[in-house]
């Protein structure tokens, strides 16, 4: 199984690239897993306490569980991926049954900041998009999909998103094998990455038959 990590700042276009590749190769070939699904389960905290958590810091993720799930998938075992409820800042009681597929794309802002996560990836991508574009995309997403006000989005961006990006996300770019400017609009980069995956899978198929 090929594990591809796609990192980059919030709103950089990681998800767009992942879905573009999945659309080209098919859902039976490509599974997408988001690091956002693995935010720590904070059900024991009050809503007020949850709202104060810095969700852009590496410690806000349960990467140990994510790594375990990726390892299980690589061994051919299905896993139950958590569902995170952003409106309540905690995990849902439901999960998503996820079976092994030839390609798993892991996308998230801080996946390259974790050495153990990096070690399980076969390819590491960083999506490099201008800050003004990223904040606009984030504002649209958080207001329409997560029910947040513009005031709360602005406050969160200035207090945690921007400083955490500068402290952890941007420095993790040095670990990338490939840097893609302008996110999902970079069709040339998406096509090249898709072709590389197809070549990799065909080579592995030939080797498996020869063995």
C-alpha atoms as a PDB file:
ATOM      1  CA  UNK A   1       0.000   0.000   0.000  1.00  0.00           C
ATOM      2  CA  UNK A   2       1.231   3.432  -0.960  1.00  0.00           C
ATOM      3  CA  UNK A   3       0.833   6.112   1.725  1.00  0.00           C
ATOM      4  CA  UNK A   4       1.040   9.699   0.477  1.00  0.00           C
ATOM      5  CA  UNK A   5       1.071  12.590   2.911  1.00  0.00           C
ATOM      6  CA  UNK A   6      -0.243  15.983   1.785  1.00  0.00           C
ATOM      7  CA  UNK A   7       0.500  18.832   4.201  1.00  0.00           C
ATOM      8  CA  UNK A   8       0.183  22.614   4.065  1.00  0.00           C
ATOM      9  CA  UNK A   9      -1.495  25.481   5.826  1.00  0.00           C
ATOM     10  CA  UNK A  10      -5.206  25.649   6.552  1.00  0.00           C
ATOM     11  CA  UNK A  11      -7.013  26.465   3.304  1.00  0.00           C
ATOM     12  CA  UNK A  12      -3.980  25.713   1.118  1.00  0.00           C
ATOM     13  CA  UNK A  13      -5.807  23.212  -1.115  1.00  0.00           C
ATOM     14  CA  UNK A  14      -4.712  19.878   0.391  1.00  0.00           C
ATOM     15  CA  UNK A  15      -8.178  18.364   0.259  1.00  0.00           C
ATOM     16  CA  UNK A  16      -8.748  19.577  -3.307  1.00  0.00           C
ATOM     17  CA  UNK A  17      -5.566  17.874  -4.481  1.00  0.00           C
ATOM     18  CA  UNK A  18      -6.421  14.660  -2.622  1.00  0.00           C
ATOM     19  CA  UNK A  19      -9.900  14.503  -4.140  1.00  0.00           C
ATOM     20  CA  UNK A  20      -8.564  15.329  -7.617  1.00  0.00           C
ATOM     21  CA  UNK A  21      -6.228  12.338  -7.419  1.00  0.00           C
ATOM     22  CA  UNK A  22      -8.997  10.123  -6.063  1.00  0.00           C
ATOM     23  CA  UNK A  23     -11.313  11.218  -8.872  1.00  0.00           C
ATOM     24  CA  UNK A  24      -8.690  10.392 -11.505  1.00  0.00           C
ATOM     25  CA  UNK A  25      -7.740   6.988 -10.084  1.00  0.00           C
ATOM     26  CA  UNK A  26     -11.064   5.938  -8.569  1.00  0.00           C
ATOM     27  CA  UNK A  27     -12.432   5.458  -5.051  1.00  0.00           C
ATOM     28  CA  UNK A  28     -11.699   1.740  -5.269  1.00  0.00           C
ATOM     29  CA  UNK A  29      -7.990   2.591  -5.572  1.00  0.00           C
ATOM     30  CA  UNK A  30      -7.580   5.688  -3.388  1.00  0.00           C
ATOM     31  CA  UNK A  31      -8.702   6.235   0.214  1.00  0.00           C
ATOM     32  CA  UNK A  32      -8.452   9.707   1.779  1.00  0.00           C
ATOM     33  CA  UNK A  33      -7.881  10.069   5.512  1.00  0.00           C
ATOM     34  CA  UNK A  34      -7.826  13.477   7.186  1.00  0.00           C
ATOM     35  CA  UNK A  35      -5.691  14.240  10.216  1.00  0.00           C
ATOM     36  CA  UNK A  36      -8.633  16.371  11.405  1.00  0.00           C
ATOM     37  CA  UNK A  37     -10.485  13.137  12.190  1.00  0.00           C
ATOM     38  CA  UNK A  38      -7.871  12.411  14.840  1.00  0.00           C
ATOM     39  CA  UNK A  39      -8.250  15.445  17.065  1.00  0.00           C
ATOM     40  CA  UNK A  40      -8.034  14.387  20.693  1.00  0.00           C
ATOM     41  CA  UNK A  41     -11.320  13.168  22.162  1.00  0.00           C
ATOM     42  CA  UNK A  42     -12.222  15.861  24.695  1.00  0.00           C
ATOM     43  CA  UNK A  43     -15.630  14.613  25.765  1.00  0.00           C
ATOM     44  CA  UNK A  44     -14.604  14.841  29.425  1.00  0.00           C
ATOM     45  CA  UNK A  45     -14.158  18.614  29.121  1.00  0.00           C
ATOM     46  CA  UNK A  46     -16.878  21.231  29.238  1.00  0.00           C
ATOM     47  CA  UNK A  47     -17.795  23.141  26.081  1.00  0.00           C
ATOM     48  CA  UNK A  48     -16.133  26.243  27.524  1.00  0.00           C
ATOM     49  CA  UNK A  49     -12.911  24.309  28.121  1.00  0.00           C
ATOM     50  CA  UNK A  50     -12.992  22.776  24.633  1.00  0.00           C
ATOM     51  CA  UNK A  51     -13.344  26.199  23.033  1.00  0.00           C
ATOM     52  CA  UNK A  52     -10.099  27.319  24.696  1.00  0.00           C
ATOM     53  CA  UNK A  53      -7.998  24.487  23.231  1.00  0.00           C
ATOM     54  CA  UNK A  54      -5.365  25.397  20.650  1.00  0.00           C
ATOM     55  CA  UNK A  55      -6.459  23.147  17.783  1.00  0.00           C
ATOM     56  CA  UNK A  56      -3.553  24.234  15.582  1.00  0.00           C
ATOM     57  CA  UNK A  57      -0.872  22.849  17.926  1.00  0.00           C
ATOM     58  CA  UNK A  58       0.599  19.359  17.275  1.00  0.00           C
ATOM     59  CA  UNK A  59      -0.536  18.183  20.719  1.00  0.00           C
ATOM     60  CA  UNK A  60      -4.194  18.580  19.739  1.00  0.00           C
ATOM     61  CA  UNK A  61      -3.989  15.434  17.578  1.00  0.00           C
ATOM     62  CA  UNK A  62      -3.953  11.791  18.648  1.00  0.00           C
ATOM     63  CA  UNK A  63      -1.255  10.827  16.163  1.00  0.00           C
ATOM     64  CA  UNK A  64      -0.586   7.549  17.966  1.00  0.00           C
ATOM     65  CA  UNK A  65      -4.032   6.289  16.947  1.00  0.00           C
ATOM     66  CA  UNK A  66      -3.578   7.623  13.419  1.00  0.00           C
ATOM     67  CA  UNK A  67      -0.244   5.810  13.048  1.00  0.00           C
ATOM     68  CA  UNK A  68      -1.786   2.615  14.419  1.00  0.00           C
ATOM     69  CA  UNK A  69      -4.620   2.813  11.895  1.00  0.00           C
ATOM     70  CA  UNK A  70      -2.243   3.421   8.997  1.00  0.00           C
ATOM     71  CA  UNK A  71      -0.121   0.464  10.098  1.00  0.00           C
ATOM     72  CA  UNK A  72      -3.208  -1.753  10.301  1.00  0.00           C
ATOM     73  CA  UNK A  73      -4.319  -0.706   6.816  1.00  0.00           C
ATOM     74  CA  UNK A  74      -0.861  -1.457   5.474  1.00  0.00           C
ATOM     75  CA  UNK A  75      -1.134  -4.962   6.961  1.00  0.00           C
ATOM     76  CA  UNK A  76      -4.429  -5.464   5.165  1.00  0.00           C
ATOM     77  CA  UNK A  77      -6.756  -4.882   8.115  1.00  0.00           C
ATOM     78  CA  UNK A  78      -9.779  -2.553   8.090  1.00  0.00           C
ATOM     79  CA  UNK A  79     -10.041   0.211  10.705  1.00  0.00           C
ATOM     80  CA  UNK A  80     -12.717   2.493  12.151  1.00  0.00           C
ATOM     81  CA  UNK A  81     -11.707   6.112  11.500  1.00  0.00           C
ATOM     82  CA  UNK A  82     -13.094   8.595  14.071  1.00  0.00           C
ATOM     83  CA  UNK A  83     -15.584  11.272  13.090  1.00  0.00           C
ATOM     84  CA  UNK A  84     -14.869  14.680  14.629  1.00  0.00           C
ATOM     85  CA  UNK A  85     -17.746  17.057  15.380  1.00  0.00           C
ATOM     86  CA  UNK A  86     -16.322  20.547  14.861  1.00  0.00           C
ATOM     87  CA  UNK A  87     -19.436  22.253  16.164  1.00  0.00           C
ATOM     88  CA  UNK A  88     -19.005  20.498  19.532  1.00  0.00           C
ATOM     89  CA  UNK A  89     -15.190  20.279  19.501  1.00  0.00           C
ATOM     90  CA  UNK A  90     -15.236  16.565  20.240  1.00  0.00           C
ATOM     91  CA  UNK A  91     -15.525  13.168  18.573  1.00  0.00           C
ATOM     92  CA  UNK A  92     -18.792  11.686  17.469  1.00  0.00           C
ATOM     93  CA  UNK A  93     -19.841   8.313  18.834  1.00  0.00           C
ATOM     94  CA  UNK A  94     -19.891   7.093  15.213  1.00  0.00           C
ATOM     95  CA  UNK A  95     -16.896   6.027  13.127  1.00  0.00           C
ATOM     96  CA  UNK A  96     -16.181   5.357   9.451  1.00  0.00           C
ATOM     97  CA  UNK A  97     -15.381   1.766   8.461  1.00  0.00           C
ATOM     98  CA  UNK A  98     -12.284   2.014   6.255  1.00  0.00           C
ATOM     99  CA  UNK A  99     -10.929  -0.946   4.302  1.00  0.00           C
ATOM    100  CA  UNK A 100      -7.381  -1.236   2.866  1.00  0.00           C
ATOM    101  CA  UNK A 101      -6.849   0.155  -0.640  1.00  0.00           C
ATOM    102  CA  UNK A 102      -3.769   0.378  -2.887  1.00  0.00           C
ATOM    103  CA  UNK A 103      -3.313   4.086  -2.095  1.00  0.00           C
ATOM    104  CA  UNK A 104      -4.018   6.025   1.091  1.00  0.00           C
ATOM    105  CA  UNK A 105      -3.743   9.810   0.979  1.00  0.00           C
ATOM    106  CA  UNK A 106      -3.263  11.344   4.410  1.00  0.00           C
ATOM    107  CA  UNK A 107      -3.937  15.071   4.462  1.00  0.00           C
ATOM    108  CA  UNK A 108      -3.510  17.526   7.323  1.00  0.00           C
ATOM    109  CA  UNK A 109      -1.786  20.719   8.377  1.00  0.00           C
ATOM    110  CA  UNK A 110       0.703  19.070  10.742  1.00  0.00           C
ATOM    111  CA  UNK A 111       1.358  15.594   9.338  1.00  0.00           C
ATOM    112  CA  UNK A 112       4.933  16.505   8.338  1.00  0.00           C
ATOM    113  CA  UNK A 113       5.670  17.971  11.782  1.00  0.00           C
ATOM    114  CA  UNK A 114       5.558  14.496  13.356  1.00  0.00           C
ATOM    115  CA  UNK A 115       8.629  12.316  12.759  1.00  0.00           C
ATOM    116  CA  UNK A 116       6.747   9.059  13.394  1.00  0.00           C
ATOM    117  CA  UNK A 117       4.046  10.005  10.888  1.00  0.00           C
ATOM    118  CA  UNK A 118       6.662  10.989   8.313  1.00  0.00           C
ATOM    119  CA  UNK A 119       8.383   7.636   8.670  1.00  0.00           C
ATOM    120  CA  UNK A 120       5.277   5.743   7.550  1.00  0.00           C
ATOM    121  CA  UNK A 121       4.764   7.839   4.397  1.00  0.00           C
ATOM    122  CA  UNK A 122       6.061   6.777   0.983  1.00  0.00           C
ATOM    123  CA  UNK A 123       5.792  10.314  -0.393  1.00  0.00           C
ATOM    124  CA  UNK A 124       5.547  13.666   1.383  1.00  0.00           C
ATOM    125  CA  UNK A 125       3.855  16.626  -0.331  1.00  0.00           C
ATOM    126  CA  UNK A 126       3.593  20.225   0.873  1.00  0.00           C
ATOM    127  CA  UNK A 127       1.014  22.567  -0.654  1.00  0.00           C
ATOM    128  CA  UNK A 128       2.348  26.126  -0.635  1.00  0.00           C
ATOM    129  CA  UNK A 129      -0.390  28.763  -0.999  1.00  0.00           C
ATOM    130  CA  UNK A 130      -0.380  32.498  -0.221  1.00  0.00           C
ATOM    131  CA  UNK A 131      -1.666  33.405   3.283  1.00  0.00           C
ATOM    132  CA  UNK A 132      -4.384  35.775   2.033  1.00  0.00           C
ATOM    133  CA  UNK A 133      -5.862  33.019  -0.131  1.00  0.00           C
ATOM    134  CA  UNK A 134      -5.716  30.519   2.729  1.00  0.00           C
ATOM    135  CA  UNK A 135      -7.460  32.734   5.286  1.00  0.00           C
ATOM    136  CA  UNK A 136     -10.252  33.568   2.823  1.00  0.00           C
ATOM    137  CA  UNK A 137     -10.835  29.883   2.077  1.00  0.00           C
ATOM    138  CA  UNK A 138     -10.774  29.055   5.798  1.00  0.00           C
ATOM    139  CA  UNK A 139     -13.307  31.777   6.588  1.00  0.00           C
ATOM    140  CA  UNK A 140     -15.710  30.491   3.933  1.00  0.00           C
ATOM    141  CA  UNK A 141     -15.315  26.878   5.098  1.00  0.00           C
ATOM    142  CA  UNK A 142     -15.655  27.556   8.822  1.00  0.00           C
ATOM    143  CA  UNK A 143     -18.697  29.776   8.416  1.00  0.00           C
ATOM    144  CA  UNK A 144     -20.572  27.536   5.958  1.00  0.00           C
ATOM    145  CA  UNK A 145     -19.529  24.039   7.140  1.00  0.00           C
ATOM    146  CA  UNK A 146     -18.746  24.502  10.829  1.00  0.00           C
ATOM    147  CA  UNK A 147     -21.262  27.175  11.825  1.00  0.00           C
ATOM    148  CA  UNK A 148     -18.752  29.716  13.126  1.00  0.00           C
ATOM    149  CA  UNK A 149     -19.074  33.488  13.101  1.00  0.00           C
ATOM    150  CA  UNK A 150     -16.610  35.740  11.282  1.00  0.00           C
ATOM    151  CA  UNK A 151     -15.603  37.221  14.632  1.00  0.00           C
ATOM    152  CA  UNK A 152     -14.657  33.814  16.050  1.00  0.00           C
ATOM    153  CA  UNK A 153     -12.817  32.895  12.839  1.00  0.00           C
ATOM    154  CA  UNK A 154     -10.839  36.142  12.989  1.00  0.00           C
ATOM    155  CA  UNK A 155     -10.022  35.680  16.676  1.00  0.00           C
ATOM    156  CA  UNK A 156      -8.892  32.084  16.169  1.00  0.00           C
ATOM    157  CA  UNK A 157      -6.769  32.964  13.143  1.00  0.00           C
ATOM    158  CA  UNK A 158      -4.856  35.708  14.948  1.00  0.00           C
ATOM    159  CA  UNK A 159      -4.470  33.867  18.265  1.00  0.00           C
ATOM    160  CA  UNK A 160      -3.607  30.338  17.102  1.00  0.00           C
ATOM    161  CA  UNK A 161      -3.787  29.632  13.358  1.00  0.00           C
ATOM    162  CA  UNK A 162      -1.227  32.202  12.212  1.00  0.00           C
ATOM    163  CA  UNK A 163       1.327  31.735  15.034  1.00  0.00           C
ATOM    164  CA  UNK A 164       1.067  27.921  14.874  1.00  0.00           C
ATOM    165  CA  UNK A 165       1.488  28.005  11.106  1.00  0.00           C
ATOM    166  CA  UNK A 166       4.675  29.998  11.511  1.00  0.00           C
ATOM    167  CA  UNK A 167       5.941  27.817  14.372  1.00  0.00           C
ATOM    168  CA  UNK A 168       5.084  24.325  13.084  1.00  0.00           C
ATOM    169  CA  UNK A 169       3.434  24.118   9.647  1.00  0.00           C
ATOM    170  CA  UNK A 170       5.786  26.280   7.583  1.00  0.00           C
ATOM    171  CA  UNK A 171       8.973  24.744   9.083  1.00  0.00           C
ATOM    172  CA  UNK A 172       7.678  21.237   8.238  1.00  0.00           C
ATOM    173  CA  UNK A 173       7.938  22.119   4.547  1.00  0.00           C
ATOM    174  CA  UNK A 174      11.632  21.139   4.657  1.00  0.00           C
ATOM    175  CA  UNK A 175      10.606  17.482   5.034  1.00  0.00           C
ATOM    176  CA  UNK A 176       8.572  17.421   1.798  1.00  0.00           C
ATOM    177  CA  UNK A 177       9.707  15.489  -1.262  1.00  0.00           C
ATOM    178  CA  UNK A 178       7.537  17.685  -3.469  1.00  0.00           C
ATOM    179  CA  UNK A 179       6.251  21.248  -2.984  1.00  0.00           C
ATOM    180  CA  UNK A 180       3.131  22.216  -4.940  1.00  0.00           C
ATOM    181  CA  UNK A 181       2.450  25.961  -5.321  1.00  0.00           C
ATOM    182  CA  UNK A 182      -1.133  27.255  -5.521  1.00  0.00           C
ATOM    183  CA  UNK A 183      -2.865  24.093  -4.330  1.00  0.00           C
ATOM    184  CA  UNK A 184      -5.741  22.643  -6.328  1.00  0.00           C
ATOM    185  CA  UNK A 185      -5.292  25.123  -9.165  1.00  0.00           C
ATOM    186  CA  UNK A 186      -1.935  23.581 -10.073  1.00  0.00           C
ATOM    187  CA  UNK A 187      -3.269  21.039 -12.568  1.00  0.00           C
ATOM    188  CA  UNK A 188       0.185  20.251 -13.940  1.00  0.00           C
ATOM    189  CA  UNK A 189       1.429  19.181 -10.507  1.00  0.00           C
ATOM    190  CA  UNK A 190      -1.722  17.131  -9.860  1.00  0.00           C
ATOM    191  CA  UNK A 191      -1.386  15.336 -13.198  1.00  0.00           C
ATOM    192  CA  UNK A 192       2.304  14.604 -12.612  1.00  0.00           C
ATOM    193  CA  UNK A 193       1.612  13.249  -9.126  1.00  0.00           C
ATOM    194  CA  UNK A 194      -1.241  11.103 -10.449  1.00  0.00           C
ATOM    195  CA  UNK A 195       0.992   9.716 -13.209  1.00  0.00           C
ATOM    196  CA  UNK A 196       3.684   8.868 -10.668  1.00  0.00           C
ATOM    197  CA  UNK A 197       1.150   6.969  -8.542  1.00  0.00           C
ATOM    198  CA  UNK A 198      -0.091   5.050 -11.594  1.00  0.00           C
ATOM    199  CA  UNK A 199       3.492   4.155 -12.520  1.00  0.00           C
ATOM    200  CA  UNK A 200       4.234   3.048  -8.959  1.00  0.00           C
ATOM    201  CA  UNK A 201       1.150   0.826  -8.839  1.00  0.00           C
ATOM    202  CA  UNK A 202       1.907  -0.727 -12.231  1.00  0.00           C
ATOM    203  CA  UNK A 203       5.497  -1.447 -11.182  1.00  0.00           C
ATOM    204  CA  UNK A 204       4.299  -3.073  -7.944  1.00  0.00           C
ATOM    205  CA  UNK A 205       1.790  -5.151  -9.914  1.00  0.00           C
ATOM    206  CA  UNK A 206       4.521  -6.410 -12.229  1.00  0.00           C
ATOM    207  CA  UNK A 207       6.792  -7.250  -9.297  1.00  0.00           C
ATOM    208  CA  UNK A 208       3.996  -9.122  -7.509  1.00  0.00           C
ATOM    209  CA  UNK A 209       3.284 -11.228 -10.600  1.00  0.00           C
ATOM    210  CA  UNK A 210       7.008 -11.963 -11.121  1.00  0.00           C
ATOM    211  CA  UNK A 211       7.334 -13.147  -7.531  1.00  0.00           C
END
